[in-house]
Amino acid sequence: MRILVCGGAGYIGAHMCKILAENGFAVTVFDNLSTGFKKNVRWGKLICGDLLDQAAIDTCLNQEPFDAVMHFSALAIVSDSITQPGKYYENNVTGTLNLLSAMARHGVDKFIFSSTAAVYGSPETTTITEETTVNPATPYGASKWMAERILKDFEIAHKIRSVIFRYFNAAGAEPAGQIGEDHDPETHLIPNILQSLNGKDNNKLNIFGNDYPTPDGTCIRDYIHVNDICQAHLSALTYLQNGGQSDCFNIGNGNGFSILEVIAAVERVTGKKVEYEIKARREGDPAILVANSDKLKQRLNWQPEFTELDQIIETAWRYYCR
């Protein structure tokens, strides 16, 4: 199968390309390199282009008959989406719409979409299923929910079947340390903790809020290893290829850890002390987000390999040291 990976130069997309190539798929990356890196495109060819440029997408799809598209391209900083909502709606909604329209023109009918747990907003339940009410609290979450809704209409009109994955907190790195998490600016907790260990003056970690209704007052999140996310996508490809119907799945490991618990795990793995400061809460941060991924396990026969927090951090630390 020939797979087009939009956003394949980014964190999750690059890991996906590696796993696809290792499993015999022909990979093409479509990326504008705004947040991804050319050095990450080692498994497949790169076509530089932007999803806001419909002509560029058509040119890409004209090159070969793709069997499926994976869509990892997105702006994903929650705080930025609050101050720049127009930018997020344009990139995440219009970009997805352009891509789907081009797929319809070129007869590509299988689509795997990276959504987010942010579509749930601040749910009242501590464990989230796909039946939990969707109520995004930020433009980022709303933009992903709008894209999900568009997929339903494109299936009706153009027979494009899709699998939607609502990510919880992607974490870790490829176990051999070849690729890993490298955002600019870095907003994810685990790499920020690791960067705070570099010994520079005043390089303390910032913790945003310690007055949440959780056991230690800090936010609780579900951390899912990036390779486990990619394995779920691989299962989704097989599912769609075998005629599976469009569906939506949470993807997390089902365990929640507070910020202070993650810090303690980093200290165990690295043997280093983490210095931190408490700051005010950030707008749009729910107290607890933990996935129930039973549907994914049952429907796509998926099981996470990296189930322990220390395992996940060890892979991130290996990449950081390298």
Protein backbone atom coordinates (compact mmCIF):
# COMPACT_ATOMS: atom_id res chain seq x y z
CA MET A 1 0.00 0.00 0.00
CA ARG A 2 1.08 3.55 -0.75
CA ILE A 3 0.48 5.87 2.19
CA LEU A 4 0.53 9.67 2.19
CA VAL A 5 1.55 10.95 5.62
CA CYS A 6 0.66 14.62 6.11
CA GLY A 7 2.84 16.03 8.87
CA GLY A 8 5.33 13.18 8.56
CA ALA A 9 8.26 15.42 9.50
CA GLY A 10 6.81 16.06 12.95
CA TYR A 11 7.01 14.14 16.20
CA ILE A 12 4.30 11.50 15.82
CA GLY A 13 4.35 11.57 12.02
CA ALA A 14 8.05 10.69 11.84
CA HIS A 15 7.58 7.73 14.17
CA MET A 16 4.65 6.63 12.02
CA CYS A 17 6.74 6.75 8.84
CA LYS A 18 9.40 4.55 10.43
CA ILE A 19 6.85 1.93 11.50
CA LEU A 20 5.10 2.03 8.12
CA ALA A 21 8.37 1.52 6.26
CA GLU A 22 9.36 -1.33 8.58
CA ASN A 23 6.04 -3.01 7.75
CA GLY A 24 6.51 -2.80 3.99
CA PHE A 25 4.43 0.29 3.15
CA ALA A 26 5.56 2.84 0.56
CA VAL A 27 5.62 6.22 2.35
CA THR A 28 5.34 9.76 1.02
CA VAL A 29 5.51 12.72 3.43
CA PHE A 30 3.66 15.97 2.75
CA ASP A 31 4.83 18.66 5.18
CA ASN A 32 5.44 22.42 5.18
CA LEU A 33 8.25 22.00 7.76
CA SER A 34 6.80 24.77 9.92
CA THR A 35 7.02 22.62 13.06
CA GLY A 36 8.56 19.43 11.67
CA PHE A 37 12.15 18.81 10.60
CA LYS A 38 13.56 17.62 7.29
CA LYS A 39 16.03 15.42 9.19
CA ASN A 40 13.07 13.37 10.46
CA VAL A 41 12.08 12.28 6.95
CA ARG A 42 14.23 9.15 6.66
CA TRP A 43 11.57 6.60 5.79
CA GLY A 44 10.00 7.73 2.53
CA LYS A 45 10.23 10.71 0.24
CA LEU A 46 9.38 14.30 1.17
CA ILE A 47 7.09 16.65 -0.75
CA CYS A 48 7.20 20.14 0.75
CA GLY A 49 3.80 21.74 0.69
CA ASP A 50 1.06 23.33 2.77
CA LEU A 51 -2.48 22.06 3.27
CA LEU A 52 -3.72 25.62 2.80
CA ASP A 53 -2.43 25.41 -0.79
CA GLN A 54 -4.94 23.31 -2.73
CA ALA A 55 -2.78 23.27 -5.85
CA ALA A 56 0.13 21.81 -3.87
CA ILE A 57 -2.10 19.02 -2.54
CA ASP A 58 -3.35 18.21 -6.05
CA THR A 59 0.21 18.12 -7.35
CA CYS A 60 1.14 15.69 -4.60
CA LEU A 61 -1.84 13.41 -5.22
CA ASN A 62 -1.17 13.45 -8.96
CA GLN A 63 2.24 11.85 -8.47
CA GLU A 64 0.97 8.36 -7.61
CA PRO A 65 -2.27 6.56 -6.66
CA PHE A 66 -2.31 6.59 -2.86
CA ASP A 67 -4.26 3.91 -1.00
CA ALA A 68 -4.74 5.91 2.20
CA VAL A 69 -3.90 9.21 3.87
CA MET A 70 -2.77 9.77 7.46
CA HIS A 71 -3.26 13.32 8.70
CA PHE A 72 -0.94 14.46 11.52
CA SER A 73 -0.62 18.10 10.43
CA ALA A 74 -2.01 20.56 12.97
CA LEU A 75 -1.32 23.49 15.19
CA ALA A 76 -1.62 22.07 18.70
CA ILE A 77 -0.63 24.57 21.41
CA VAL A 78 -3.75 25.08 23.52
CA SER A 79 -2.72 28.45 24.97
CA ASP A 80 -1.86 29.83 21.53
CA SER A 81 -5.24 28.77 20.20
CA ILE A 82 -6.92 30.98 22.82
CA THR A 83 -5.00 34.08 21.72
CA GLN A 84 -4.94 33.24 17.98
CA PRO A 85 -8.17 31.35 17.27
CA GLY A 86 -8.36 32.37 13.62
CA LYS A 87 -4.97 30.84 12.92
CA TYR A 88 -6.05 27.54 14.48
CA TYR A 89 -9.38 27.33 12.67
CA GLU A 90 -7.72 28.13 9.36
CA ASN A 91 -4.91 25.62 9.76
CA ASN A 92 -6.76 22.76 11.45
CA VAL A 93 -10.19 23.06 9.83
CA THR A 94 -9.52 24.60 6.41
CA GLY A 95 -6.36 22.52 5.97
CA THR A 96 -8.28 19.32 6.67
CA LEU A 97 -11.12 20.39 4.39
CA ASN A 98 -8.66 21.09 1.56
CA LEU A 99 -7.06 17.69 2.02
CA LEU A 100 -10.38 15.83 2.01
CA SER A 101 -11.57 17.75 -1.05
CA ALA A 102 -8.41 16.77 -2.91
CA MET A 103 -8.84 13.13 -1.84
CA ALA A 104 -12.38 13.19 -3.24
CA ARG A 105 -11.11 14.58 -6.56
CA HIS A 106 -8.42 11.90 -6.79
CA GLY A 107 -10.45 8.94 -5.58
CA VAL A 108 -8.56 8.26 -2.32
CA ASP A 109 -11.10 6.77 0.06
CA LYS A 110 -9.31 5.83 3.30
CA PHE A 111 -8.35 8.44 5.90
CA ILE A 112 -6.83 8.29 9.40
CA PHE A 113 -7.17 11.48 11.41
CA SER A 114 -5.31 12.70 14.48
CA SER A 115 -7.82 14.32 16.81
CA THR A 116 -7.43 15.07 20.50
CA ALA A 117 -8.84 14.53 23.98
CA ALA A 118 -9.28 18.32 24.01
CA VAL A 119 -12.61 17.77 22.21
CA TYR A 120 -14.01 16.65 25.59
CA GLY A 121 -13.15 19.93 27.33
CA SER A 122 -13.36 19.52 31.12
CA PRO A 123 -15.50 16.40 31.57
CA GLU A 124 -17.08 15.61 34.92
CA THR A 125 -16.07 11.94 34.75
CA THR A 126 -12.49 10.98 35.67
CA THR A 127 -12.21 8.33 32.93
CA ILE A 128 -13.28 9.30 29.42
CA THR A 129 -14.94 7.03 26.88
CA GLU A 130 -15.94 7.83 23.32
CA GLU A 131 -19.48 8.34 24.64
CA THR A 132 -18.38 11.16 26.96
CA THR A 133 -20.01 14.44 25.94
CA VAL A 134 -17.94 16.45 23.47
CA ASN A 135 -17.61 19.99 24.79
CA PRO A 136 -14.32 21.60 23.73
CA ALA A 137 -13.13 24.41 25.99
CA THR A 138 -10.54 25.91 23.63
CA PRO A 139 -10.29 26.83 19.94
CA TYR A 140 -7.77 24.01 19.50
CA GLY A 141 -10.25 21.41 20.74
CA ALA A 142 -13.07 23.03 18.78
CA SER A 143 -11.03 23.02 15.57
CA LYS A 144 -10.43 19.29 15.87
CA TRP A 145 -14.09 18.63 16.63
CA MET A 146 -15.11 20.62 13.53
CA ALA A 147 -12.74 18.51 11.43
CA GLU A 148 -14.26 15.34 12.88
CA ARG A 149 -17.71 16.56 11.90
CA ILE A 150 -16.56 17.30 8.34
CA LEU A 151 -15.43 13.68 8.00
CA LYS A 152 -19.00 12.45 8.44
CA ASP A 153 -20.23 14.59 5.57
CA PHE A 154 -17.38 13.51 3.28
CA GLU A 155 -18.20 9.88 3.90
CA ILE A 156 -21.82 10.49 2.87
CA ALA A 157 -20.90 12.52 -0.22
CA HIS A 158 -17.63 10.91 -1.34
CA LYS A 159 -17.44 7.49 0.36
CA ILE A 160 -14.26 8.39 2.26
CA ARG A 161 -14.08 6.04 5.24
CA SER A 162 -12.10 7.29 8.22
CA VAL A 163 -10.69 6.30 11.58
CA ILE A 164 -10.42 9.12 14.12
CA PHE A 165 -7.97 8.83 17.01
CA ARG A 166 -8.49 11.12 19.98
CA TYR A 167 -5.01 11.34 21.47
CA PHE A 168 -4.36 11.84 25.12
CA ASN A 169 -0.75 12.83 25.98
CA ALA A 170 1.71 11.49 23.43
CA ALA A 171 5.08 10.88 25.07
CA GLY A 172 8.39 9.06 24.77
CA ALA A 173 10.65 8.38 21.82
CA GLU A 174 11.65 5.65 19.43
CA PRO A 175 13.39 3.11 21.74
CA ALA A 176 16.73 3.16 19.89
CA GLY A 177 16.87 6.96 20.24
CA GLN A 178 16.90 7.72 16.51
CA ILE A 179 13.94 10.13 16.68
CA GLY A 180 12.03 11.74 19.51
CA GLU A 181 10.18 14.77 20.73
CA ASP A 182 11.66 18.07 19.57
CA HIS A 183 9.17 20.94 19.47
CA ASP A 184 9.98 24.64 19.29
CA PRO A 185 8.65 25.92 21.58
CA GLU A 186 8.42 22.77 23.65
CA THR A 187 5.08 22.60 25.46
CA HIS A 188 4.92 18.95 26.53
CA LEU A 189 5.65 18.07 30.13
CA ILE A 190 8.17 15.24 29.94
CA PRO A 191 10.65 16.89 27.51
CA ASN A 192 10.34 20.14 29.46
CA ILE A 193 11.27 18.32 32.66
CA LEU A 194 14.26 16.71 30.92
CA GLN A 195 15.38 20.07 29.53
CA SER A 196 15.23 21.55 33.02
CA LEU A 197 17.97 19.10 34.06
CA ASN A 198 20.67 20.65 31.88
CA GLY A 199 22.26 22.54 34.77
CA LYS A 200 21.80 26.07 33.51
CA ASP A 201 20.99 28.81 36.02
CA ASN A 202 17.32 29.63 36.52
CA ASN A 203 16.27 26.71 34.35
CA LYS A 204 13.53 25.56 36.70
CA LEU A 205 10.46 23.77 35.47
CA ASN A 206 7.21 25.74 35.64
CA ILE A 207 4.16 23.95 37.08
CA PHE A 208 0.95 25.74 36.19
CA GLY A 209 -1.35 25.35 39.15
CA ASN A 210 -1.17 23.24 42.32
CA ASP A 211 -4.73 23.88 43.51
CA TYR A 212 -6.65 21.47 41.26
CA PRO A 213 -9.08 18.95 42.83
CA THR A 214 -6.52 16.12 42.63
CA PRO A 215 -4.63 14.29 45.41
CA ASP A 216 -1.53 16.51 45.15
CA GLY A 217 -3.16 19.57 43.55
CA THR A 218 -1.50 19.20 40.14
CA CYS A 219 -3.14 18.14 36.87
CA ILE A 220 -3.50 14.46 36.08
CA ARG A 221 -2.90 13.22 32.54
CA ASP A 222 -2.77 9.95 30.62
CA TYR A 223 0.64 9.45 28.93
CA ILE A 224 0.68 7.16 25.90
CA HIS A 225 3.92 6.18 24.18
CA VAL A 226 4.32 7.47 20.64
CA ASN A 227 5.06 3.98 19.28
CA ASP A 228 1.83 2.67 20.78
CA ILE A 229 -0.03 5.47 19.00
CA CYS A 230 1.60 4.45 15.73
CA GLN A 231 0.75 0.79 16.23
CA ALA A 232 -2.90 1.80 16.62
CA HIS A 233 -2.69 3.65 13.29
CA LEU A 234 -1.17 0.57 11.70
CA SER A 235 -4.10 -1.50 12.97
CA ALA A 236 -6.50 1.12 11.59
CA LEU A 237 -4.96 0.78 8.13
CA THR A 238 -5.61 -2.96 8.16
CA TYR A 239 -9.12 -2.35 9.47
CA LEU A 240 -10.00 0.08 6.67
CA GLN A 241 -8.31 -2.07 4.03
CA ASN A 242 -10.50 -4.97 5.14
CA GLY A 243 -13.66 -2.89 4.69
CA GLY A 244 -14.07 -1.58 8.23
CA GLN A 245 -16.58 1.22 8.75
CA SER A 246 -15.70 4.72 9.92
CA ASP A 247 -15.18 4.94 13.66
CA CYS A 248 -13.65 7.00 16.45
CA PHE A 249 -11.29 5.77 19.19
CA ASN A 250 -9.66 7.17 22.31
CA ILE A 251 -5.98 6.33 22.50
CA GLY A 252 -4.35 6.36 25.92
CA ASN A 253 -2.95 3.81 28.35
CA GLY A 254 -5.73 4.22 30.90
CA ASN A 255 -3.48 5.36 33.74
CA GLY A 256 -3.42 8.91 35.07
CA PHE A 257 -0.35 10.55 36.60
CA SER A 258 -0.09 13.97 38.21
CA ILE A 259 2.65 16.41 37.31
CA LEU A 260 4.39 15.74 40.61
CA GLU A 261 4.21 11.99 39.97
CA VAL A 262 5.80 12.50 36.54
CA ILE A 263 8.55 14.56 38.16
CA ALA A 264 9.19 11.77 40.67
CA ALA A 265 9.42 9.25 37.82
CA VAL A 266 11.94 11.43 35.96
CA GLU A 267 14.03 11.63 39.10
CA ARG A 268 13.98 7.82 39.40
CA VAL A 269 14.97 7.29 35.77
CA THR A 270 17.67 9.97 35.54
CA GLY A 271 18.97 10.03 39.10
CA LYS A 272 18.74 13.83 38.99
CA LYS A 273 16.78 16.30 41.10
CA VAL A 274 14.10 18.32 39.31
CA GLU A 275 13.79 21.95 40.43
CA TYR A 276 10.42 23.58 39.80
CA GLU A 277 8.32 26.64 40.51
CA ILE A 278 4.57 26.89 40.91
CA LYS A 279 2.85 29.33 38.56
CA ALA A 280 -0.78 30.35 38.08
CA ARG A 281 -3.14 27.99 36.28
CA ARG A 282 -3.35 28.18 32.49
CA GLU A 283 -6.70 28.83 30.90
CA GLY A 284 -8.26 25.73 29.38
CA ASP A 285 -6.39 23.12 31.47
CA PRO A 286 -8.77 20.46 32.86
CA ALA A 287 -7.88 18.89 36.21
CA ILE A 288 -8.02 15.28 35.01
CA LEU A 289 -7.91 13.67 31.55
CA VAL A 290 -7.61 9.87 31.53
CA ALA A 291 -8.62 7.63 28.64
CA ASN A 292 -10.72 4.55 28.50
CA SER A 293 -9.33 2.80 25.39
CA ASP A 294 -11.34 -0.42 25.70
CA LYS A 295 -13.10 0.20 22.39
CA LEU A 296 -9.76 0.46 20.57
CA LYS A 297 -8.51 -2.73 22.20
CA GLN A 298 -11.66 -4.64 21.31
CA ARG A 299 -12.32 -3.36 17.79
CA LEU A 300 -8.75 -3.09 16.47
CA ASN A 301 -7.08 -5.72 18.69
CA TRP A 302 -4.64 -3.10 19.99
CA GLN A 303 -2.60 -3.33 23.19
CA PRO A 304 -0.07 -0.75 24.41
CA GLU A 305 3.49 -2.05 24.78
CA PHE A 306 4.74 0.78 27.00
CA THR A 307 2.39 0.61 29.98
CA GLU A 308 4.66 1.93 32.74
CA LEU A 309 5.47 5.62 33.13
CA ASP A 310 9.14 4.88 33.85
CA GLN A 311 9.37 2.91 30.57
CA ILE A 312 8.05 5.88 28.61
CA ILE A 313 10.41 8.32 30.32
CA GLU A 314 13.40 6.02 29.76
CA THR A 315 12.89 6.22 25.99
CA ALA A 316 12.56 10.01 26.11
CA TRP A 317 15.69 10.30 28.28
CA ARG A 318 17.66 8.07 25.89
CA TYR A 319 16.76 10.34 22.98
CA TYR A 320 17.46 13.50 24.99
CA CYS A 321 20.90 12.28 26.04
CA ARG A 322 21.73 11.31 22.46
